[in-house]
PDB file of N, CA and C in Angstrom:
ATOM      1  N   MET A   1     129.083 221.078  99.701  1.00  0.00           N
ATOM      2  CA  MET A   1     128.288 220.011  99.122  1.00  0.00           C
ATOM      3  C   MET A   1     127.129 220.623  98.349  1.00  0.00           C
ATOM      4  N   LYS A   2     126.770 219.945  97.263  1.00  0.00           N
ATOM      5  CA  LYS A   2     125.644 220.391  96.443  1.00  0.00           C
ATOM      6  C   LYS A   2     124.748 219.207  96.104  1.00  0.00           C
ATOM      7  N   LEU A   3     123.453 219.465  96.116  1.00  0.00           N
ATOM      8  CA  LEU A   3     122.468 218.450  95.752  1.00  0.00           C
ATOM      9  C   LEU A   3     122.543 218.201  94.253  1.00  0.00           C
ATOM     10  N   ILE A   4     122.667 216.923  93.881  1.00  0.00           N
ATOM     11  CA  ILE A   4     122.743 216.604  92.454  1.00  0.00           C
ATOM     12  C   ILE A   4     121.590 215.734  91.972  1.00  0.00           C
ATOM     13  N   TYR A   5     120.900 215.039  92.884  1.00  0.00           N
ATOM     14  CA  TYR A   5     119.818 214.165  92.430  1.00  0.00           C
ATOM     15  C   TYR A   5     118.929 213.791  93.602  1.00  0.00           C
ATOM     16  N   THR A   6     117.632 213.722  93.351  1.00  0.00           N
ATOM     17  CA  THR A   6     116.681 213.217  94.333  1.00  0.00           C
ATOM     18  C   THR A   6     115.553 212.519  93.597  1.00  0.00           C
ATOM     19  N   ASN A   7     114.963 211.538  94.249  1.00  0.00           N
ATOM     20  CA  ASN A   7     113.875 210.789  93.647  1.00  0.00           C
ATOM     21  C   ASN A   7     113.142 210.065  94.758  1.00  0.00           C
ATOM     22  N   GLU A   8     111.860 209.800  94.529  1.00  0.00           N
ATOM     23  CA  GLU A   8     111.102 209.064  95.535  1.00  0.00           C
ATOM     24  C   GLU A   8     111.543 207.605  95.626  1.00  0.00           C
ATOM     25  N   ASN A   9     112.181 207.099  94.580  1.00  0.00           N
ATOM     26  CA  ASN A   9     112.651 205.719  94.537  1.00  0.00           C
ATOM     27  C   ASN A   9     114.109 205.666  95.011  1.00  0.00           C
ATOM     28  N   SER A  10     114.325 205.155  96.205  1.00  0.00           N
ATOM     29  CA  SER A  10     115.676 205.130  96.776  1.00  0.00           C
ATOM     30  C   SER A  10     116.629 204.242  95.972  1.00  0.00           C
ATOM     31  N   PHE A  11     116.102 203.242  95.271  1.00  0.00           N
ATOM     32  CA  PHE A  11     116.963 202.385  94.451  1.00  0.00           C
ATOM     33  C   PHE A  11     117.568 203.176  93.291  1.00  0.00           C
ATOM     34  N   LEU A  12     116.786 204.071  92.691  1.00  0.00           N
ATOM     35  CA  LEU A  12     117.318 204.903  91.610  1.00  0.00           C
ATOM     36  C   LEU A  12     118.404 205.833  92.128  1.00  0.00           C
ATOM     37  N   VAL A  13     118.177 206.420  93.294  1.00  0.00           N
ATOM     38  CA  VAL A  13     119.163 207.333  93.872  1.00  0.00           C
ATOM     39  C   VAL A  13     120.455 206.575  94.185  1.00  0.00           C
ATOM     40  N   SER A  14     120.344 205.390  94.742  1.00  0.00           N
ATOM     41  CA  SER A  14     121.532 204.579  95.046  1.00  0.00           C
ATOM     42  C   SER A  14     122.264 204.174  93.775  1.00  0.00           C
ATOM     43  N   ASN A  15     121.521 203.873  92.722  1.00  0.00           N
ATOM     44  CA  ASN A  15     122.134 203.520  91.446  1.00  0.00           C
ATOM     45  C   ASN A  15     122.906 204.710  90.873  1.00  0.00           C
ATOM     46  N   ILE A  16     122.308 205.894  90.925  1.00  0.00           N
ATOM     47  CA  ILE A  16     122.989 207.099  90.443  1.00  0.00           C
ATOM     48  C   ILE A  16     124.246 207.348  91.281  1.00  0.00           C
ATOM     49  N   LYS A  17     124.158 207.130  92.585  1.00  0.00           N
ATOM     50  CA  LYS A  17     125.338 207.297  93.457  1.00  0.00           C
ATOM     51  C   LYS A  17     126.465 206.378  92.995  1.00  0.00           C
ATOM     52  N   ASN A  18     126.154 205.132  92.713  1.00  0.00           N
ATOM     53  CA  ASN A  18     127.174 204.190  92.234  1.00  0.00           C
ATOM     54  C   ASN A  18     127.804 204.666  90.933  1.00  0.00           C
ATOM     55  N   ILE A  19     126.989 205.168  90.028  1.00  0.00           N
ATOM     56  CA  ILE A  19     127.496 205.642  88.738  1.00  0.00           C
ATOM     57  C   ILE A  19     128.416 206.839  88.933  1.00  0.00           C
ATOM     58  N   VAL A  20     127.986 207.790  89.765  1.00  0.00           N
ATOM     59  CA  VAL A  20     128.795 208.984  90.032  1.00  0.00           C
ATOM     60  C   VAL A  20     130.128 208.584  90.676  1.00  0.00           C
ATOM     61  N   GLU A  21     130.081 207.706  91.663  1.00  0.00           N
ATOM     62  CA  GLU A  21     131.310 207.291  92.346  1.00  0.00           C
ATOM     63  C   GLU A  21     132.221 206.467  91.445  1.00  0.00           C
ATOM     64  N   ASN A  22     131.655 205.687  90.531  1.00  0.00           N
ATOM     65  CA  ASN A  22     132.476 204.923  89.582  1.00  0.00           C
ATOM     66  C   ASN A  22     133.182 205.825  88.582  1.00  0.00           C
ATOM     67  N   ASN A  23     132.746 207.081  88.513  1.00  0.00           N
ATOM     68  CA  ASN A  23     133.405 208.069  87.664  1.00  0.00           C
ATOM     69  C   ASN A  23     134.377 208.930  88.467  1.00  0.00           C
ATOM     70  N   GLY A  24     134.713 208.493  89.676  1.00  0.00           N
ATOM     71  CA  GLY A  24     135.756 209.146  90.459  1.00  0.00           C
ATOM     72  C   GLY A  24     135.322 210.287  91.357  1.00  0.00           C
ATOM     73  N   LEU A  25     134.027 210.515  91.512  1.00  0.00           N
ATOM     74  CA  LEU A  25     133.547 211.600  92.367  1.00  0.00           C
ATOM     75  C   LEU A  25     133.088 211.039  93.708  1.00  0.00           C
ATOM     76  N   THR A  26     133.125 211.878  94.731  1.00  0.00           N
ATOM     77  CA  THR A  26     132.665 211.470  96.053  1.00  0.00           C
ATOM     78  C   THR A  26     131.275 212.044  96.281  1.00  0.00           C
ATOM     79  N   ALA A  27     130.340 211.174  96.639  1.00  0.00           N
ATOM     80  CA  ALA A  27     128.952 211.594  96.855  1.00  0.00           C
ATOM     81  C   ALA A  27     128.416 210.926  98.116  1.00  0.00           C
ATOM     82  N   VAL A  28     127.421 211.568  98.724  1.00  0.00           N
ATOM     83  CA  VAL A  28     126.794 211.018  99.929  1.00  0.00           C
ATOM     84  C   VAL A  28     125.276 211.073  99.790  1.00  0.00           C
ATOM     85  N   LEU A  29     124.625 210.126 100.453  1.00  0.00           N
ATOM     86  CA  LEU A  29     123.166 210.094 100.496  1.00  0.00           C
ATOM     87  C   LEU A  29     122.684 210.809 101.749  1.00  0.00           C
ATOM     88  N   LYS A  30     121.588 211.524 101.613  1.00  0.00           N
ATOM     89  CA  LYS A  30     120.917 212.136 102.762  1.00  0.00           C
ATOM     90  C   LYS A  30     119.453 211.704 102.726  1.00  0.00           C
ATOM     91  N   ASN A  31     118.817 211.732 103.872  1.00  0.00           N
ATOM     92  CA  ASN A  31     117.397 211.363 104.025  1.00  0.00           C
ATOM     93  C   ASN A  31     117.143 209.882 103.772  1.00  0.00           C
ATOM     94  N   GLU A  32     118.157 209.058 103.917  1.00  0.00           N
ATOM     95  CA  GLU A  32     117.979 207.623 103.686  1.00  0.00           C
ATOM     96  C   GLU A  32     116.900 207.013 104.572  1.00  0.00           C
ATOM     97  N   PHE A  33     116.771 207.524 105.772  1.00  0.00           N
ATOM     98  CA  PHE A  33     115.865 206.915 106.737  1.00  0.00           C
ATOM     99  C   PHE A  33     114.715 207.840 107.122  1.00  0.00           C
ATOM    100  N   SER A  34     114.402 208.797 106.261  1.00  0.00           N
ATOM    101  CA  SER A  34     113.341 209.758 106.581  1.00  0.00           C
ATOM    102  C   SER A  34     111.960 209.268 106.167  1.00  0.00           C
ATOM    103  N   GLY A  35     111.874 208.126 105.522  1.00  0.00           N
ATOM    104  CA  GLY A  35     110.581 207.592 105.094  1.00  0.00           C
ATOM    105  C   GLY A  35     109.609 207.407 106.233  1.00  0.00           C
ATOM    106  N   GLY A  36     110.122 207.173 107.433  1.00  0.00           N
ATOM    107  CA  GLY A  36     109.258 207.021 108.599  1.00  0.00           C
ATOM    108  C   GLY A  36     108.522 208.296 108.954  1.00  0.00           C
ATOM    109  N   GLY A  37     108.996 209.421 108.426  1.00  0.00           N
ATOM    110  CA  GLY A  37     108.344 210.699 108.691  1.00  0.00           C
ATOM    111  C   GLY A  37     107.218 211.006 107.731  1.00  0.00           C
ATOM    112  N   SER A  38     106.970 210.112 106.786  1.00  0.00           N
ATOM    113  CA  SER A  38     105.877 210.327 105.829  1.00  0.00           C
ATOM    114  C   SER A  38     104.571 210.503 106.586  1.00  0.00           C
ATOM    115  N   GLY A  39     103.839 211.499 106.204  1.00  0.00           N
ATOM    116  CA  GLY A  39     102.585 211.808 106.877  1.00  0.00           C
ATOM    117  C   GLY A  39     102.744 213.021 107.775  1.00  0.00           C
ATOM    118  N   ASP A  40     103.894 213.118 108.452  1.00  0.00           N
ATOM    119  CA  ASP A  40     104.187 214.288 109.270  1.00  0.00           C
ATOM    120  C   ASP A  40     104.980 215.318 108.480  1.00  0.00           C
ATOM    121  N   LEU A  41     105.702 214.861 107.472  1.00  0.00           N
ATOM    122  CA  LEU A  41     106.507 215.735 106.629  1.00  0.00           C
ATOM    123  C   LEU A  41     105.907 215.777 105.230  1.00  0.00           C
ATOM    124  N   ALA A  42     106.252 216.816 104.495  1.00  0.00           N
ATOM    125  CA  ALA A  42     105.837 216.885 103.094  1.00  0.00           C
ATOM    126  C   ALA A  42     106.489 215.716 102.349  1.00  0.00           C
ATOM    127  N   PRO A  43     105.787 215.108 101.398  1.00  0.00           N
ATOM    128  CA  PRO A  43     106.347 213.949 100.691  1.00  0.00           C
ATOM    129  C   PRO A  43     107.738 214.196 100.102  1.00  0.00           C
ATOM    130  N   LEU A  44     107.959 215.367  99.521  1.00  0.00           N
ATOM    131  CA  LEU A  44     109.269 215.649  98.924  1.00  0.00           C
ATOM    132  C   LEU A  44     110.380 215.705  99.966  1.00  0.00           C
ATOM    133  N   ASP A  45     110.032 216.020 101.208  1.00  0.00           N
ATOM    134  CA  ASP A  45     111.037 216.104 102.268  1.00  0.00           C
ATOM    135  C   ASP A  45     111.528 214.737 102.722  1.00  0.00           C
ATOM    136  N   THR A  46     110.867 213.681 102.293  1.00  0.00           N
ATOM    137  CA  THR A  46     111.283 212.330 102.690  1.00  0.00           C
ATOM    138  C   THR A  46     112.022 211.598 101.569  1.00  0.00           C
ATOM    139  N   TRP A  47     112.172 212.234 100.418  1.00  0.00           N
ATOM    140  CA  TRP A  47     112.886 211.600  99.314  1.00  0.00           C
ATOM    141  C   TRP A  47     114.379 211.521  99.630  1.00  0.00           C
ATOM    142  N   VAL A  48     115.017 210.447  99.207  1.00  0.00           N
ATOM    143  CA  VAL A  48     116.464 210.307  99.364  1.00  0.00           C
ATOM    144  C   VAL A  48     117.143 211.305  98.428  1.00  0.00           C
ATOM    145  N   GLU A  49     118.187 211.944  98.942  1.00  0.00           N
ATOM    146  CA  GLU A  49     118.925 212.942  98.170  1.00  0.00           C
ATOM    147  C   GLU A  49     120.365 212.488  97.979  1.00  0.00           C
ATOM    148  N   LEU A  50     120.921 212.828  96.826  1.00  0.00           N
ATOM    149  CA  LEU A  50     122.325 212.547  96.534  1.00  0.00           C
ATOM    150  C   LEU A  50     123.063 213.872  96.416  1.00  0.00           C
ATOM    151  N   TRP A  51     124.113 214.016  97.199  1.00  0.00           N
ATOM    152  CA  TRP A  51     124.904 215.238  97.227  1.00  0.00           C
ATOM    153  C   TRP A  51     126.334 214.925  96.810  1.00  0.00           C
ATOM    154  N   VAL A  52     126.908 215.791  95.972  1.00  0.00           N
ATOM    155  CA  VAL A  52     128.317 215.673  95.626  1.00  0.00           C
ATOM    156  C   VAL A  52     129.097 216.443  96.697  1.00  0.00           C
ATOM    157  N   VAL A  53     130.165 215.842  97.214  1.00  0.00           N
ATOM    158  CA  VAL A  53     130.901 216.425  98.341  1.00  0.00           C
ATOM    159  C   VAL A  53     131.668 217.673  97.930  1.00  0.00           C
ATOM    160  N   ASN A  54     132.366 217.614  96.821  1.00  0.00           N
ATOM    161  CA  ASN A  54     133.176 218.742  96.361  1.00  0.00           C
ATOM    162  C   ASN A  54     132.349 219.603  95.408  1.00  0.00           C
ATOM    163  N   ASP A  55     132.109 220.857  95.782  1.00  0.00           N
ATOM    164  CA  ASP A  55     131.311 221.755  94.941  1.00  0.00           C
ATOM    165  C   ASP A  55     131.868 221.877  93.526  1.00  0.00           C
ATOM    166  N   ALA A  56     133.176 221.774  93.386  1.00  0.00           N
ATOM    167  CA  ALA A  56     133.804 221.895  92.067  1.00  0.00           C
ATOM    168  C   ALA A  56     133.429 220.735  91.142  1.00  0.00           C
ATOM    169  N   ASP A  57     132.946 219.638  91.703  1.00  0.00           N
ATOM    170  CA  ASP A  57     132.554 218.472  90.905  1.00  0.00           C
ATOM    171  C   ASP A  57     131.100 218.523  90.447  1.00  0.00           C
ATOM    172  N   TYR A  58     130.377 219.573  90.814  1.00  0.00           N
ATOM    173  CA  TYR A  58     128.936 219.648  90.537  1.00  0.00           C
ATOM    174  C   TYR A  58     128.622 219.503  89.042  1.00  0.00           C
ATOM    175  N   ASP A  59     129.256 220.314  88.204  1.00  0.00           N
ATOM    176  CA  ASP A  59     128.949 220.274  86.765  1.00  0.00           C
ATOM    177  C   ASP A  59     129.277 218.909  86.159  1.00  0.00           C
ATOM    178  N   ARG A  60     130.391 218.337  86.570  1.00  0.00           N
ATOM    179  CA  ARG A  60     130.761 217.016  86.054  1.00  0.00           C
ATOM    180  C   ARG A  60     129.740 215.969  86.493  1.00  0.00           C
ATOM    181  N   ALA A  61     129.318 216.037  87.756  1.00  0.00           N
ATOM    182  CA  ALA A  61     128.330 215.079  88.268  1.00  0.00           C
ATOM    183  C   ALA A  61     127.013 215.199  87.511  1.00  0.00           C
ATOM    184  N   MET A  62     126.579 216.422  87.257  1.00  0.00           N
ATOM    185  CA  MET A  62     125.326 216.624  86.528  1.00  0.00           C
ATOM    186  C   MET A  62     125.442 216.090  85.103  1.00  0.00           C
ATOM    187  N   GLY A  63     126.608 216.238  84.488  1.00  0.00           N
ATOM    188  CA  GLY A  63     126.830 215.689  83.152  1.00  0.00           C
ATOM    189  C   GLY A  63     126.782 214.169  83.143  1.00  0.00           C
ATOM    190  N   ILE A  64     127.358 213.554  84.166  1.00  0.00           N
ATOM    191  CA  ILE A  64     127.336 212.095  84.284  1.00  0.00           C
ATOM    192  C   ILE A  64     125.899 211.603  84.415  1.00  0.00           C
ATOM    193  N   ILE A  65     125.118 212.281  85.254  1.00  0.00           N
ATOM    194  CA  ILE A  65     123.721 211.893  85.456  1.00  0.00           C
ATOM    195  C   ILE A  65     122.927 212.066  84.169  1.00  0.00           C
ATOM    196  N   LYS A  66     123.143 213.184  83.474  1.00  0.00           N
ATOM    197  CA  LYS A  66     122.414 213.434  82.226  1.00  0.00           C
ATOM    198  C   LYS A  66     122.748 212.366  81.191  1.00  0.00           C
ATOM    199  N   ASN A  67     124.018 212.029  81.054  1.00  0.00           N
ATOM    200  CA  ASN A  67     124.415 210.988  80.099  1.00  0.00           C
ATOM    201  C   ASN A  67     123.761 209.658  80.422  1.00  0.00           C
ATOM    202  N   PHE A  68     123.691 209.321  81.704  1.00  0.00           N
ATOM    203  CA  PHE A  68     123.049 208.076  82.109  1.00  0.00           C
ATOM    204  C   PHE A  68     121.566 208.099  81.776  1.00  0.00           C
ATOM    205  N   GLN A  69     120.894 209.185  82.112  1.00  0.00           N
ATOM    206  CA  GLN A  69     119.453 209.266  81.863  1.00  0.00           C
ATOM    207  C   GLN A  69     119.139 209.269  80.375  1.00  0.00           C
ATOM    208  N   ASP A  70     119.974 209.914  79.579  1.00  0.00           N
ATOM    209  CA  ASP A  70     119.749 209.932  78.134  1.00  0.00           C
ATOM    210  C   ASP A  70     119.952 208.550  77.521  1.00  0.00           C
ATOM    211  N   SER A  71     120.857 207.766  78.080  1.00  0.00           N
ATOM    212  CA  SER A  71     121.142 206.448  77.512  1.00  0.00           C
ATOM    213  C   SER A  71     120.142 205.392  77.964  1.00  0.00           C
ATOM    214  N   GLU A  72     119.305 205.730  78.941  1.00  0.00           N
ATOM    215  CA  GLU A  72     118.336 204.767  79.460  1.00  0.00           C
ATOM    216  C   GLU A  72     117.229 204.447  78.462  1.00  0.00           C
ATOM    217  N   VAL A  73     116.924 205.368  77.566  1.00  0.00           N
ATOM    218  CA  VAL A  73     115.802 205.198  76.653  1.00  0.00           C
ATOM    219  C   VAL A  73     116.186 204.211  75.553  1.00  0.00           C
ATOM    220  N   LEU A  74     115.513 203.085  75.544  1.00  0.00           N
ATOM    221  CA  LEU A  74     115.761 202.057  74.539  1.00  0.00           C
ATOM    222  C   LEU A  74     114.534 201.942  73.644  1.00  0.00           C
ATOM    223  N   SER A  75     114.750 201.947  72.353  1.00  0.00           N
ATOM    224  CA  SER A  75     113.643 201.881  71.407  1.00  0.00           C
ATOM    225  C   SER A  75     113.076 200.471  71.328  1.00  0.00           C
ATOM    226  N   ASP A  76     111.758 200.405  71.155  1.00  0.00           N
ATOM    227  CA  ASP A  76     111.124 199.115  70.907  1.00  0.00           C
ATOM    228  C   ASP A  76     111.645 198.569  69.581  1.00  0.00           C
ATOM    229  N   TRP A  77     111.597 197.277  69.423  1.00  0.00           N
ATOM    230  CA  TRP A  77     112.082 196.669  68.190  1.00  0.00           C
ATOM    231  C   TRP A  77     111.160 195.537  67.760  1.00  0.00           C
ATOM    232  N   VAL A  78     111.176 195.272  66.441  1.00  0.00           N
ATOM    233  CA  VAL A  78     110.357 194.208  65.859  1.00  0.00           C
ATOM    234  C   VAL A  78     111.280 193.059  65.480  1.00  0.00           C
ATOM    235  N   CYS A  79     110.913 191.875  65.915  1.00  0.00           N
ATOM    236  CA  CYS A  79     111.705 190.677  65.637  1.00  0.00           C
ATOM    237  C   CYS A  79     111.664 190.367  64.140  1.00  0.00           C
ATOM    238  N   LEU A  80     112.835 190.179  63.541  1.00  0.00           N
ATOM    239  CA  LEU A  80     112.909 189.855  62.118  1.00  0.00           C
ATOM    240  C   LEU A  80     112.482 188.418  61.841  1.00  0.00           C
ATOM    241  N   SER A  81     112.528 187.579  62.858  1.00  0.00           N
ATOM    242  CA  SER A  81     112.195 186.173  62.683  1.00  0.00           C
ATOM    243  C   SER A  81     110.689 185.924  62.719  1.00  0.00           C
ATOM    244  N   CYS A  82     110.004 186.495  63.727  1.00  0.00           N
ATOM    245  CA  CYS A  82     108.575 186.193  63.879  1.00  0.00           C
ATOM    246  C   CYS A  82     107.666 187.416  63.750  1.00  0.00           C
ATOM    247  N   GLY A  83     108.242 188.614  63.673  1.00  0.00           N
ATOM    248  CA  GLY A  83     107.445 189.816  63.472  1.00  0.00           C
ATOM    249  C   GLY A  83     106.821 190.406  64.728  1.00  0.00           C
ATOM    250  N   GLU A  84     107.111 189.851  65.894  1.00  0.00           N
ATOM    251  CA  GLU A  84     106.535 190.362  67.142  1.00  0.00           C
ATOM    252  C   GLU A  84     107.254 191.629  67.594  1.00  0.00           C
ATOM    253  N   GLU A  85     106.486 192.560  68.171  1.00  0.00           N
ATOM    254  CA  GLU A  85     107.068 193.778  68.732  1.00  0.00           C
ATOM    255  C   GLU A  85     107.564 193.487  70.146  1.00  0.00           C
ATOM    256  N   ASN A  86     108.751 194.012  70.452  1.00  0.00           N
ATOM    257  CA  ASN A  86     109.387 193.792  71.751  1.00  0.00           C
ATOM    258  C   ASN A  86     109.754 195.125  72.383  1.00  0.00           C
ATOM    259  N   SER A  87     109.686 195.189  73.688  1.00  0.00           N
ATOM    260  CA  SER A  87     110.120 196.368  74.428  1.00  0.00           C
ATOM    261  C   SER A  87     111.619 196.550  74.235  1.00  0.00           C
ATOM    262  N   GLY A  88     112.069 197.791  74.264  1.00  0.00           N
ATOM    263  CA  GLY A  88     113.489 198.068  74.097  1.00  0.00           C
ATOM    264  C   GLY A  88     114.364 197.411  75.146  1.00  0.00           C
ATOM    265  N   SER A  89     113.794 197.103  76.290  1.00  0.00           N
ATOM    266  CA  SER A  89     114.574 196.482  77.365  1.00  0.00           C
ATOM    267  C   SER A  89     114.761 194.978  77.167  1.00  0.00           C
ATOM    268  N   PHE A  90     114.068 194.396  76.191  1.00  0.00           N
ATOM    269  CA  PHE A  90     114.186 192.954  75.948  1.00  0.00           C
ATOM    270  C   PHE A  90     115.467 192.667  75.170  1.00  0.00           C
ATOM    271  N   GLU A  91     116.256 191.738  75.668  1.00  0.00           N
ATOM    272  CA  GLU A  91     117.480 191.340  74.983  1.00  0.00           C
ATOM    273  C   GLU A  91     117.228 190.248  73.958  1.00  0.00           C
ATOM    274  N   PHE A  92     116.079 189.600  74.061  1.00  0.00           N
ATOM    275  CA  PHE A  92     115.667 188.559  73.124  1.00  0.00           C
ATOM    276  C   PHE A  92     114.181 188.719  72.874  1.00  0.00           C
ATOM    277  N   CYS A  93     113.707 188.226  71.743  1.00  0.00           N
ATOM    278  CA  CYS A  93     112.280 188.260  71.431  1.00  0.00           C
ATOM    279  C   CYS A  93     111.525 187.433  72.467  1.00  0.00           C
ATOM    280  N   TRP A  94     110.441 187.986  72.965  1.00  0.00           N
ATOM    281  CA  TRP A  94     109.653 187.274  73.980  1.00  0.00           C
ATOM    282  C   TRP A  94     108.971 186.051  73.384  1.00  0.00           C
ATOM    283  N   ASN A  95     108.757 186.067  72.065  1.00  0.00           N
ATOM    284  CA  ASN A  95     108.010 184.998  71.416  1.00  0.00           C
ATOM    285  C   ASN A  95     108.904 183.855  70.931  1.00  0.00           C
ATOM    286  N   CYS A  96     110.011 184.200  70.268  1.00  0.00           N
ATOM    287  CA  CYS A  96     110.833 183.145  69.658  1.00  0.00           C
ATOM    288  C   CYS A  96     112.275 183.114  70.179  1.00  0.00           C
ATOM    289  N   GLN A  97     112.604 183.980  71.096  1.00  0.00           N
ATOM    290  CA  GLN A  97     113.919 184.049  71.738  1.00  0.00           C
ATOM    291  C   GLN A  97     115.076 184.373  70.787  1.00  0.00           C
ATOM    292  N   LYS A  98     114.758 185.005  69.651  1.00  0.00           N
ATOM    293  CA  LYS A  98     115.813 185.444  68.733  1.00  0.00           C
ATOM    294  C   LYS A  98     116.336 186.807  69.193  1.00  0.00           C
ATOM    295  N   GLU A  99     117.590 187.113  68.839  1.00  0.00           N
ATOM    296  CA  GLU A  99     118.189 188.396  69.204  1.00  0.00           C
ATOM    297  C   GLU A  99     117.612 189.517  68.348  1.00  0.00           C
ATOM    298  N   PRO A 100     117.659 190.755  68.859  1.00  0.00           N
ATOM    299  CA  PRO A 100     117.158 191.884  68.069  1.00  0.00           C
ATOM    300  C   PRO A 100     118.073 192.164  66.881  1.00  0.00           C
ATOM    301  N   PRO A 101     117.554 192.868  65.880  1.00  0.00           N
ATOM    302  CA  PRO A 101     118.399 193.222  64.737  1.00  0.00           C
ATOM    303  C   PRO A 101     119.523 194.151  65.184  1.00  0.00           C
ATOM    304  N   LYS A 102     120.637 194.037  64.558  1.00  0.00           N
ATOM    305  CA  LYS A 102     121.809 194.861  64.914  1.00  0.00           C
ATOM    306  C   LYS A 102     121.722 196.223  64.297  1.00  0.00           C
TER     307      LYS A 102
END
């Protein structure tokens, strides 16, 4: 087994696990319940970890994670209808509910 991802946010780690497993790899979570040790353990030691079971899948798993992280960045956009700036995560203009430009 090899460590492929860790983060202080357990929801992000679980999401990455789902993505890795949906690509046909077997992965397991470790430290899921170590948060109770915060204060007695170093903060990094309580983060949830994602491990790929088969060492041969390590490079593929890291590529899957990198592709996901690279695709997460969404550019802000300006509504063509009303001119308001919108966050890249908005599917519609916050002001006039029009769709972003294609």
